[in-house]
Protein backbone atom coordinates (compact mmCIF):
# COMPACT_ATOMS: atom_id res chain seq x y z
CA MET A 1 122.23 81.98 77.49
CA GLU A 2 119.20 81.20 75.29
CA THR A 3 117.59 84.25 73.71
CA ARG A 4 113.92 84.40 72.90
CA PRO A 5 112.86 85.68 69.52
CA ASN A 6 111.32 89.13 69.48
CA HIS A 7 107.95 88.50 67.80
CA ALA A 8 107.05 92.18 67.85
CA GLN A 9 110.21 93.02 65.94
CA GLU A 10 109.51 90.25 63.42
CA THR A 11 105.99 91.59 62.93
CA ILE A 12 107.34 95.07 62.28
CA VAL A 13 109.88 93.74 59.80
CA ASP A 14 107.22 91.67 58.02
CA ASP A 15 104.87 94.66 57.79
CA ALA A 16 107.66 96.77 56.35
CA TYR A 17 107.99 94.39 53.39
CA MET A 18 104.25 94.22 52.70
CA PRO A 19 103.15 96.08 49.55
CA PRO A 20 101.18 99.26 50.17
CA SER A 21 97.41 98.83 50.01
CA LEU A 22 95.70 100.33 46.98
CA SER A 23 92.69 102.58 47.06
CA PRO A 24 89.41 101.10 45.72
CA TRP A 25 89.70 103.10 42.50
CA ARG A 26 93.30 101.99 41.86
CA GLU A 27 92.40 98.39 42.70
CA THR A 28 89.49 98.56 40.22
CA TRP A 29 91.76 100.04 37.53
CA ARG A 30 94.40 97.36 38.15
CA LEU A 31 91.83 94.60 37.75
CA LEU A 32 90.36 96.28 34.68
CA ARG A 33 93.75 96.40 32.98
CA GLN A 34 94.12 92.66 33.55
CA ASN A 35 90.81 92.01 31.75
CA SER A 36 91.69 92.86 28.14
CA MET A 37 88.18 92.37 26.75
CA ALA A 38 86.62 94.67 29.35
CA LEU A 39 89.33 97.26 28.69
CA ILE A 40 88.63 97.13 24.96
CA GLY A 41 84.94 97.60 25.70
CA LEU A 42 85.70 100.63 27.88
CA VAL A 43 87.92 102.19 25.19
CA ILE A 44 85.23 101.73 22.54
CA PHE A 45 82.62 103.18 24.90
CA MET A 46 84.75 106.27 25.61
CA PHE A 47 85.38 106.71 21.89
CA PHE A 48 81.65 106.39 21.21
CA PHE A 49 80.91 108.90 23.97
CA GLY A 50 83.30 111.40 22.38
CA ILE A 51 81.78 110.83 18.94
CA ALA A 52 78.28 111.35 20.35
CA LEU A 53 79.27 114.66 21.99
CA THR A 54 80.97 115.77 18.79
CA GLY A 55 77.86 114.85 16.82
CA MET A 56 75.68 116.89 19.14
CA LEU A 57 77.89 119.96 18.67
CA LEU A 58 78.18 119.58 14.88
CA THR A 59 74.58 118.66 14.00
CA SER A 60 72.45 120.70 16.44
CA GLY A 61 71.18 124.24 16.21
CA ASP A 62 69.49 126.30 13.51
CA ALA A 63 72.63 126.43 11.36
CA PRO A 64 74.57 123.23 12.09
CA ILE A 65 78.06 122.69 10.73
CA LEU A 66 77.02 119.28 9.39
CA ASP A 67 73.34 119.35 8.44
CA PRO A 68 71.85 115.83 8.55
CA ALA A 69 68.56 117.08 7.06
CA GLN A 70 70.07 118.77 3.98
CA ILE A 71 68.42 117.26 0.88
CA ARG A 72 70.40 117.02 -2.38
CA LEU A 73 68.32 115.01 -4.83
CA GLN A 74 70.94 115.31 -7.54
CA GLU A 75 73.46 113.66 -5.19
CA LYS A 76 71.39 110.71 -4.05
CA LEU A 77 72.91 107.26 -3.46
CA ARG A 78 76.49 108.44 -3.79
CA PRO A 79 79.02 105.84 -2.54
CA PRO A 80 81.33 106.43 0.44
CA LEU A 81 84.33 108.75 -0.10
CA ALA A 82 82.61 110.26 -3.14
CA ARG A 83 83.25 113.92 -3.91
CA PRO A 84 80.29 116.23 -4.51
CA ASN A 85 79.50 117.50 -7.97
CA LEU A 86 80.05 121.21 -7.44
CA GLU A 87 78.47 122.14 -10.77
CA THR A 88 75.02 120.95 -9.70
CA LEU A 89 75.07 122.13 -6.07
CA GLN A 90 74.29 125.47 -4.55
CA PRO A 91 76.97 126.91 -2.23
CA ALA A 92 74.80 126.13 0.83
CA GLU A 93 74.44 122.49 -0.28
CA VAL A 94 78.16 121.74 -0.50
CA PRO A 95 79.22 119.48 2.41
CA GLU A 96 81.60 121.08 4.88
CA LEU A 97 84.07 118.21 4.67
CA GLY A 98 84.18 118.40 0.88
CA ILE A 99 83.51 114.66 0.68
CA TYR A 100 80.78 112.19 1.54
CA LEU A 101 82.58 109.98 4.04
CA LEU A 102 79.77 107.41 4.26
CA GLY A 103 77.95 108.30 1.06
CA THR A 104 74.43 109.69 0.70
CA ASP A 105 70.95 108.19 1.02
CA ASP A 106 68.01 108.17 -1.38
CA LEU A 107 67.33 111.87 -0.66
CA GLY A 108 70.94 112.94 -1.00
CA ARG A 109 71.43 113.48 2.73
CA ASP A 110 74.91 112.99 4.14
CA VAL A 111 74.97 109.61 5.91
CA PHE A 112 77.96 110.60 8.02
CA ALA A 113 76.12 113.62 9.45
CA ARG A 114 73.06 111.48 10.11
CA MET A 115 75.18 108.85 11.86
CA LEU A 116 76.67 111.54 14.11
CA GLN A 117 73.22 112.76 15.08
CA GLY A 118 72.05 109.20 15.61
CA ALA A 119 74.97 108.55 17.98
CA TRP A 120 73.81 111.32 20.30
CA VAL A 121 70.19 110.16 20.14
CA SER A 122 71.16 106.57 20.95
CA LEU A 123 73.40 107.67 23.81
CA THR A 124 70.67 109.89 25.28
CA VAL A 125 68.00 107.21 25.02
CA GLY A 126 70.28 104.58 26.56
CA PHE A 127 71.41 106.62 29.56
CA VAL A 128 68.10 108.32 30.38
CA ALA A 129 66.06 105.11 30.03
CA VAL A 130 68.49 103.19 32.22
CA ALA A 131 68.54 106.02 34.78
CA ILE A 132 64.74 105.79 35.07
CA ALA A 133 64.81 102.00 35.32
CA VAL A 134 67.61 102.02 37.93
CA ALA A 135 65.84 104.66 40.05
CA ILE A 136 62.61 102.64 40.08
CA GLY A 137 64.48 99.37 40.66
CA ILE A 138 66.51 100.72 43.59
CA PHE A 139 63.42 102.21 45.24
CA LEU A 140 61.21 99.13 44.89
CA GLY A 141 64.03 96.65 45.53
CA GLY A 142 65.17 98.47 48.66
CA LEU A 143 61.60 98.76 49.87
CA SER A 144 61.00 95.05 49.31
CA GLY A 145 64.29 93.97 50.85
CA TYR A 146 64.25 96.13 53.96
CA TYR A 147 60.53 96.54 54.72
CA GLY A 148 59.38 93.34 53.05
CA GLN A 149 57.94 91.84 56.22
CA GLU A 150 55.73 94.84 56.92
CA TYR A 151 52.05 94.41 56.06
CA ILE A 152 49.97 96.78 53.97
CA GLN A 153 46.71 97.89 55.55
CA VAL A 154 43.43 98.73 53.87
CA ILE A 155 43.78 102.42 54.76
CA GLN A 156 47.08 102.62 52.89
CA ILE A 157 45.55 101.15 49.74
CA VAL A 158 42.64 103.60 50.04
CA MET A 159 45.02 106.55 50.42
CA VAL A 160 47.01 105.50 47.36
CA LEU A 161 43.82 105.24 45.30
CA ILE A 162 42.64 108.65 46.52
CA ALA A 163 46.01 110.21 45.66
CA GLY A 164 45.95 108.59 42.19
CA VAL A 165 42.43 109.84 41.44
CA ALA A 166 43.37 113.32 42.70
CA LEU A 167 46.41 113.41 40.40
CA TRP A 168 44.29 112.24 37.48
CA LEU A 169 41.74 114.99 38.13
CA ALA A 170 44.56 117.53 38.35
CA ALA A 171 46.01 116.29 35.04
CA THR A 172 42.61 116.70 33.38
CA HIS A 173 42.36 120.27 34.76
CA ALA A 174 39.54 119.35 37.13
CA TRP A 175 41.19 121.30 39.93
CA PRO A 176 38.13 121.73 42.23
CA GLY A 177 37.52 117.98 42.32
CA ALA A 178 41.22 117.23 42.86
CA VAL A 179 41.51 119.70 45.75
CA PHE A 180 38.28 118.45 47.36
CA LEU A 181 39.39 114.82 47.05
CA ALA A 182 42.83 115.57 48.48
CA ILE A 183 41.39 117.47 51.46
CA GLY A 184 38.83 114.72 52.11
CA GLY A 185 41.50 112.03 51.94
CA ALA A 186 43.80 113.92 54.31
CA ALA A 187 40.92 114.43 56.77
CA GLY A 188 40.06 110.73 56.62
CA TRP A 189 43.69 109.77 57.21
CA LEU A 190 43.94 112.06 60.27
CA LEU A 191 40.69 110.66 61.64
CA TYR A 192 41.96 107.12 61.26
CA ARG A 193 45.32 107.95 62.87
CA ARG A 194 43.56 109.56 65.84
CA TYR A 195 41.27 106.64 66.65
CA ALA A 196 42.70 103.50 65.05
CA GLY A 197 46.37 104.36 65.50
CA GLY A 198 46.47 106.45 68.65
CA SER A 199 45.86 106.01 72.34
CA LYS A 200 42.09 105.81 71.82
CA LYS A 201 42.28 102.50 70.02
CA SER A 202 39.90 100.90 72.51
CA ALA A 203 37.26 103.43 71.55
CA THR A 204 37.72 102.84 67.82
CA PRO A 205 34.37 102.70 66.02
CA ASP A 206 33.57 99.47 64.20
CA ALA A 207 33.39 101.43 60.94
CA LEU A 208 37.11 102.24 61.23
CA ARG A 209 38.48 98.96 62.55
CA TRP A 210 38.45 97.24 59.16
CA LEU A 211 40.74 99.96 57.79
CA SER A 212 43.63 98.61 59.89
CA ARG A 213 43.21 95.05 58.60
CA PRO A 214 46.42 93.75 56.90
CA ILE A 215 46.13 92.61 53.29
CA MET A 216 49.56 91.40 52.19
CA SER A 217 53.22 92.05 52.89
CA VAL A 218 55.23 94.67 51.06
CA ASP A 219 57.54 92.02 49.62
CA THR A 220 54.61 90.00 48.26
CA LEU A 221 53.05 93.03 46.58
CA ILE A 222 56.26 94.19 44.88
CA MET A 223 57.39 90.73 43.80
CA ARG A 224 53.99 89.88 42.34
CA LEU A 225 54.11 93.17 40.43
CA VAL A 226 57.54 92.16 39.09
CA ASP A 227 56.16 88.75 38.06
CA ILE A 228 53.25 90.38 36.24
CA MET A 229 55.58 92.73 34.36
CA LEU A 230 57.85 89.84 33.39
CA CYS A 231 54.90 87.94 31.93
CA PHE A 232 54.62 90.46 29.10
CA PRO A 233 57.25 90.43 26.34
CA SER A 234 59.10 93.68 26.92
CA PHE A 235 59.54 94.71 23.31
CA PHE A 236 55.91 94.12 22.37
CA LEU A 237 54.75 95.93 25.50
CA ILE A 238 56.95 98.90 24.58
CA LEU A 239 55.71 98.71 20.99
CA THR A 240 52.08 98.79 22.13
CA VAL A 241 52.59 101.74 24.48
CA VAL A 242 54.61 103.73 21.95
CA ALA A 243 51.96 103.14 19.29
CA LEU A 244 49.33 104.68 21.59
CA LEU A 245 51.44 107.73 22.52
CA PRO A 246 52.43 110.60 20.25
CA PRO A 247 55.88 110.04 18.69
CA SER A 248 58.53 111.78 20.75
CA LEU A 249 62.11 111.21 21.89
CA TYR A 250 61.07 111.74 25.51
CA ASN A 251 58.22 109.24 25.27
CA ILE A 252 60.65 106.62 23.96
CA MET A 253 63.04 107.15 26.87
CA VAL A 254 60.28 107.11 29.50
CA VAL A 255 58.54 104.02 28.09
CA ILE A 256 61.79 102.02 27.86
CA GLY A 257 62.68 103.03 31.40
CA LEU A 258 59.26 102.17 32.84
CA THR A 259 59.37 98.68 31.32
CA SER A 260 62.98 97.75 32.22
CA TRP A 261 63.21 98.03 36.02
CA MET A 262 62.35 94.44 37.00
CA GLY A 263 65.87 93.01 36.88
CA THR A 264 67.31 95.84 38.96
CA THR A 265 64.54 95.40 41.52
CA ARG A 266 65.40 91.73 41.97
CA PHE A 267 69.13 92.45 42.29
CA VAL A 268 68.63 95.17 44.90
CA ARG A 269 66.10 93.09 46.85
CA ALA A 270 68.49 90.14 47.04
CA GLU A 271 71.34 92.35 48.24
CA PHE A 272 69.14 94.04 50.86
CA LEU A 273 67.87 90.71 52.16
CA SER A 274 71.47 89.58 52.65
CA LEU A 275 72.88 92.81 54.05
CA ARG A 276 70.12 93.62 56.52
CA GLU A 277 71.06 90.53 58.56
CA GLN A 278 74.74 91.48 58.79
CA ASP A 279 76.35 92.48 62.10
CA PHE A 280 77.06 96.09 61.09
CA VAL A 281 73.34 96.66 60.40
CA ALA A 282 72.41 95.11 63.76
CA ALA A 283 74.98 97.36 65.45
CA ALA A 284 73.55 100.42 63.72
CA ARG A 285 70.06 99.52 64.90
CA ALA A 286 71.33 99.00 68.46
CA LEU A 287 72.82 102.51 68.38
CA GLY A 288 69.41 103.93 67.49
CA ILE A 289 70.32 105.02 63.96
CA SER A 290 67.30 105.77 61.79
CA ASP A 291 66.23 103.42 59.03
CA MET A 292 66.89 106.00 56.33
CA ARG A 293 70.48 106.45 57.46
CA ILE A 294 71.00 102.69 57.67
CA ILE A 295 69.63 102.24 54.16
CA PHE A 296 71.47 105.09 52.40
CA ARG A 297 74.64 105.19 54.48
CA HIS A 298 75.35 101.54 55.26
CA ILE A 299 73.37 99.18 53.01
CA MET A 300 73.09 101.03 49.69
CA PRO A 301 76.87 101.47 49.10
CA ASN A 302 77.33 97.72 49.58
CA ALA A 303 74.41 96.84 47.30
CA VAL A 304 75.34 99.08 44.36
CA ALA A 305 77.74 96.65 42.61
CA PRO A 306 75.13 94.49 40.83
CA VAL A 307 73.19 97.65 39.98
CA LEU A 308 76.16 99.08 38.08
CA VAL A 309 76.56 95.88 36.10
CA SER A 310 72.83 95.76 35.35
CA ALA A 311 72.88 99.42 34.29
CA THR A 312 75.82 98.89 31.93
CA LEU A 313 74.12 95.96 30.23
CA GLY A 314 70.80 97.85 30.27
CA ILE A 315 72.25 100.71 28.22
CA ALA A 316 73.06 98.31 25.40
CA SER A 317 69.58 96.79 25.65
CA ALA A 318 67.92 100.23 25.58
CA MET A 319 69.92 101.24 22.50
CA LEU A 320 68.89 98.03 20.73
CA THR A 321 65.26 98.62 21.69
CA GLU A 322 65.34 102.18 20.35
CA ALA A 323 66.97 101.01 17.12
CA GLY A 324 64.31 98.31 16.72
CA LEU A 325 61.47 100.78 17.30
CA SER A 326 62.97 103.27 14.84
CA PHE A 327 63.44 100.51 12.27
CA LEU A 328 59.73 99.65 12.56
CA GLY A 329 58.72 103.31 12.31
CA PHE A 330 57.64 103.76 15.95
CA GLY A 331 60.81 105.39 17.23
CA VAL A 332 62.11 108.93 17.26
CA PRO A 333 60.16 110.96 14.67
CA PRO A 334 61.80 112.95 11.85
CA PRO A 335 63.75 115.14 11.38
CA HIS A 336 65.90 113.44 14.03
CA ALA A 337 68.15 110.78 12.58
CA THR A 338 68.74 107.55 14.48
CA TRP A 339 70.66 104.44 13.60
CA GLY A 340 67.40 102.53 13.43
CA ASN A 341 65.69 104.74 10.85
CA ILE A 342 68.90 105.00 8.80
CA LEU A 343 68.88 101.20 8.71
CA SER A 344 65.19 101.25 7.81
CA ASP A 345 65.74 103.73 4.96
CA GLY A 346 68.53 101.58 3.55
CA LYS A 347 66.70 98.25 3.49
CA ASP A 348 65.06 99.12 0.14
CA PHE A 349 68.47 99.81 -1.45
CA ILE A 350 70.47 96.97 0.04
CA PHE A 351 71.82 95.94 -3.39
CA ASP A 352 72.11 99.40 -4.97
CA ALA A 353 73.48 101.21 -1.89
CA PRO A 354 74.65 98.62 0.69
CA TRP A 355 76.47 101.29 2.72
CA LEU A 356 73.11 102.52 3.97
CA THR A 357 72.67 99.19 5.74
CA PHE A 358 76.24 98.30 6.63
CA ALA A 359 77.17 101.61 8.29
CA PRO A 360 74.48 101.69 11.03
CA GLY A 361 74.42 97.89 11.36
CA ILE A 362 78.16 97.60 12.02
CA VAL A 363 78.13 100.56 14.42
CA ILE A 364 75.22 99.11 16.42
CA LEU A 365 77.01 95.74 16.57
CA VAL A 366 80.30 97.25 17.78
CA VAL A 367 78.78 99.61 20.37
CA VAL A 368 76.43 97.02 21.88
CA LEU A 369 79.24 94.45 21.97
CA ALA A 370 81.48 96.98 23.73
CA PHE A 371 78.86 97.67 26.41
CA ASN A 372 78.36 93.94 26.97
CA LEU A 373 82.09 93.26 27.24
CA PHE A 374 82.58 96.12 29.68
CA GLY A 375 79.57 95.03 31.72
CA GLU A 376 80.84 91.45 32.00
CA GLY A 377 84.28 92.69 33.05
CA LEU A 378 82.75 95.06 35.56
CA ARG A 379 80.81 92.17 37.07
CA ASP A 380 84.02 90.20 37.59
CA ILE A 381 85.78 93.21 39.10
CA LEU A 382 83.06 94.25 41.53
CA ASN A 383 82.24 90.72 42.69
CA PRO A 384 85.10 89.36 44.84
CA LYS A 385 83.72 85.83 44.50
CA LEU A 386 84.19 85.85 40.73
CA ARG A 387 87.39 87.81 40.22
CA LYS A 388 90.81 86.22 40.55
CA ARG A 389 92.99 87.70 43.23
CA THR A 390 96.56 88.19 42.16
């Protein structure tokens, strides 16, 4: 008698021999290990992160273990691995390590201690500036991608202008004018909503009808703003703004962040435009889920991959920008040491003390290269169209 094959049994047997599925984190780690250049970049980044934290602990405070601001004029321009002359130094001036690992500068300051402090400054500037740029880019990109077809009305532009003037008056300590303007704007908005936006629209006075007139779409406004920002050379725009502001580490971070969000905005907008037409978004809308939940629960997790790659590459760009500003004298003010101002101090002694130029230059090269390698590998890992499935 002919027997029929048991397909259900074959399916069970085949499933038993299938390899277990990996979690997203393990899958990412497996792919990262296969990309040797990205793995090297990650290792260098983690090493740099540890060095930066160590530098913060050793060089900060009123009595740091390694003082990057300690001046020893009798020990100026000492070569790397040189031992201090104990006969000419006070006990407080003797380096803790008993040796100048990277030599001294023209004021006798320990270059190794200054490099440690500069590592923490560069790390802080890179991460904070990129965090500001990514936050602005995600907000504007998501707004343009999801609500891009909505039109902006005259009343909305008026309310934004009123809010801006009120904030400016508050910043200049003109509190009575700010409060009066805010109350007047709120009253005008409520009046408009009652007549032009409510059930009494037919009785809307002619003086209020023009307030509901559409001007342009949200996508057009944001994308034209991005185009305007891209027309200006970023570094020269940052240089101009920094020159007008008082020198400060916080000003550097904020200015770099406020001038670096355009690429993230375009990435997020493109992802939102693609994802909002997917079936799972249409199903969520059919179930009556709010727009905020759709954006943050369903669309944002799927649109974060290009943002991570852009942020990784942006950290390297922010560190280079800070080093360039410090080299030109517009960066972090003294007594903070940065790789850029160490490089600037050493340019006058490039033949007498080349270590002042080589030490920060090589470190900047290695760290920026590591961030770029890791960013490129992360792009291949997070994008299933580019990575090779094995």
